[in-house]
C-alpha atoms as a PDB file:
ATOM      1  CA  MET A   1       0.325  -0.054   0.153  1.00  0.00           C
ATOM      2  CA  GLU A   2       1.768   3.044  -0.657  1.00  0.00           C
ATOM      3  CA  ILE A   3       1.941   5.996   1.921  1.00  0.00           C
ATOM      4  CA  LYS A   4       1.674   9.557   1.498  1.00  0.00           C
ATOM      5  CA  ILE A   5       2.792  11.677   4.539  1.00  0.00           C
ATOM      6  CA  GLY A   6       2.358  15.606   4.253  1.00  0.00           C
ATOM      7  CA  ILE A   7       4.982  17.611   6.529  1.00  0.00           C
ATOM      8  CA  GLN A   8       3.986  21.323   7.161  1.00  0.00           C
ATOM      9  CA  ASN A   9       5.585  24.050   5.352  1.00  0.00           C
ATOM     10  CA  ILE A  10       7.675  21.740   3.466  1.00  0.00           C
ATOM     11  CA  GLY A  11       7.147  21.143  -0.772  1.00  0.00           C
ATOM     12  CA  ARG A  12       7.333  17.780  -0.811  1.00  0.00           C
ATOM     13  CA  GLU A  13       5.686  14.592   0.678  1.00  0.00           C
ATOM     14  CA  ILE A  14       7.157  11.591   2.114  1.00  0.00           C
ATOM     15  CA  VAL A  15       6.246   8.468  -0.116  1.00  0.00           C
ATOM     16  CA  LEU A  16       6.589   5.306   0.788  1.00  0.00           C
ATOM     17  CA  ASP A  17       5.217   1.606   0.067  1.00  0.00           C
ATOM     18  CA  SER A  18       4.480  -0.447   3.046  1.00  0.00           C
ATOM     19  CA  ALA A  19       3.216  -3.984   3.636  1.00  0.00           C
ATOM     20  CA  LYS A  20       0.871  -2.780   6.563  1.00  0.00           C
ATOM     21  CA  ASP A  21      -3.133  -2.509   5.884  1.00  0.00           C
ATOM     22  CA  ALA A  22      -4.832   0.906   6.154  1.00  0.00           C
ATOM     23  CA  ASP A  23      -6.127   0.211   9.323  1.00  0.00           C
ATOM     24  CA  GLU A  24      -3.085  -0.846  10.957  1.00  0.00           C
ATOM     25  CA  VAL A  25      -1.118   2.372   9.403  1.00  0.00           C
ATOM     26  CA  ALA A  26      -4.163   4.763  10.460  1.00  0.00           C
ATOM     27  CA  ALA A  27      -4.136   3.465  14.045  1.00  0.00           C
ATOM     28  CA  LEU A  28      -0.042   4.543  14.112  1.00  0.00           C
ATOM     29  CA  VAL A  29      -0.720   7.824  13.248  1.00  0.00           C
ATOM     30  CA  SER A  30      -3.624   8.634  15.537  1.00  0.00           C
ATOM     31  CA  GLU A  31      -1.601   6.991  18.365  1.00  0.00           C
ATOM     32  CA  ALA A  32       1.099   8.940  17.443  1.00  0.00           C
ATOM     33  CA  ILE A  33      -0.428  12.434  16.895  1.00  0.00           C
ATOM     34  CA  SER A  34      -2.589  11.985  19.850  1.00  0.00           C
ATOM     35  CA  GLY A  35       0.327  10.893  22.151  1.00  0.00           C
ATOM     36  CA  GLY A  36       2.803  13.969  20.659  1.00  0.00           C
ATOM     37  CA  LYS A  37       5.483  10.797  19.575  1.00  0.00           C
ATOM     38  CA  GLU A  38       7.126  10.468  16.354  1.00  0.00           C
ATOM     39  CA  LEU A  39       5.534   8.340  13.275  1.00  0.00           C
ATOM     40  CA  ARG A  40       7.248   4.985  12.685  1.00  0.00           C
ATOM     41  CA  LEU A  41       6.851   3.379   9.568  1.00  0.00           C
ATOM     42  CA  GLU A  42       8.442   0.609   7.602  1.00  0.00           C
ATOM     43  CA  ASP A  43       8.788   0.220   4.111  1.00  0.00           C
ATOM     44  CA  GLU A  44       8.749  -2.947   2.346  1.00  0.00           C
ATOM     45  CA  LYS A  45      12.330  -2.955   1.762  1.00  0.00           C
ATOM     46  CA  GLY A  46      12.763  -2.939   5.524  1.00  0.00           C
ATOM     47  CA  ARG A  47      14.224   0.815   5.678  1.00  0.00           C
ATOM     48  CA  GLN A  48      12.292   3.427   8.621  1.00  0.00           C
ATOM     49  CA  VAL A  49      10.890   6.587   8.296  1.00  0.00           C
ATOM     50  CA  ILE A  50      10.427   8.237  11.287  1.00  0.00           C
ATOM     51  CA  VAL A  51       8.343  11.663  11.442  1.00  0.00           C
ATOM     52  CA  PRO A  52       8.055  13.891  14.734  1.00  0.00           C
ATOM     53  CA  ALA A  53       4.109  13.949  15.328  1.00  0.00           C
ATOM     54  CA  SER A  54       4.331  17.979  15.958  1.00  0.00           C
ATOM     55  CA  VAL A  55       5.192  18.131  12.075  1.00  0.00           C
ATOM     56  CA  ILE A  56       2.617  15.961  10.397  1.00  0.00           C
ATOM     57  CA  GLY A  57       0.144  17.865   8.130  1.00  0.00           C
ATOM     58  CA  TYR A  58      -1.726  15.046   6.422  1.00  0.00           C
ATOM     59  CA  VAL A  59      -1.555  11.170   5.584  1.00  0.00           C
ATOM     60  CA  GLU A  60      -3.002   9.782   2.247  1.00  0.00           C
ATOM     61  CA  LEU A  61      -3.472   5.983   2.334  1.00  0.00           C
ATOM     62  CA  GLY A  62      -3.438   4.584  -1.151  1.00  0.00           C
ATOM     63  CA  ALA A  63      -6.013   1.942  -2.279  1.00  0.00           C
ATOM     64  CA  GLN A  64      -4.531  -1.469  -1.358  1.00  0.00           C
ATOM     65  CA  GLU A  65      -4.824  -3.854  -4.254  1.00  0.00           C
ATOM     66  CA  GLN A  66      -2.847  -6.730  -5.530  1.00  0.00           C
ATOM     67  CA  ARG A  67      -0.219  -6.330  -7.815  1.00  0.00           C
ATOM     68  CA  ARG A  68      -0.589  -7.561 -10.850  1.00  0.00           C
ATOM     69  CA  VAL A  69       1.789  -9.483 -13.285  1.00  0.00           C
ATOM     70  CA  GLY A  70       1.492 -10.467 -17.236  1.00  0.00           C
ATOM     71  CA  PHE A  71      -0.314  -9.334 -20.195  1.00  0.00           C
ATOM     72  CA  GLY A  72      -3.322 -11.103 -18.862  1.00  0.00           C
ATOM     73  CA  ALA A  73      -4.127  -8.549 -16.205  1.00  0.00           C
ATOM     74  CA  LEU A  74      -4.952  -5.713 -18.880  1.00  0.00           C
END
């Protein structure tokens, strides 16, 4: 699933692909914002992204879909 994180006063957004589902990510985001902690997410390659909750502008969760392979998926 693709996750986009907008940072306050920054023009670029952080984009990462995660193996977690939308409900898990939404729970992590709301916990970080309500607790004033940092948001920690891991992408599919094992890299961690840590964002302080105080600077998060928005979090956009992409649609969860299975990856299609081959020419028959058109």
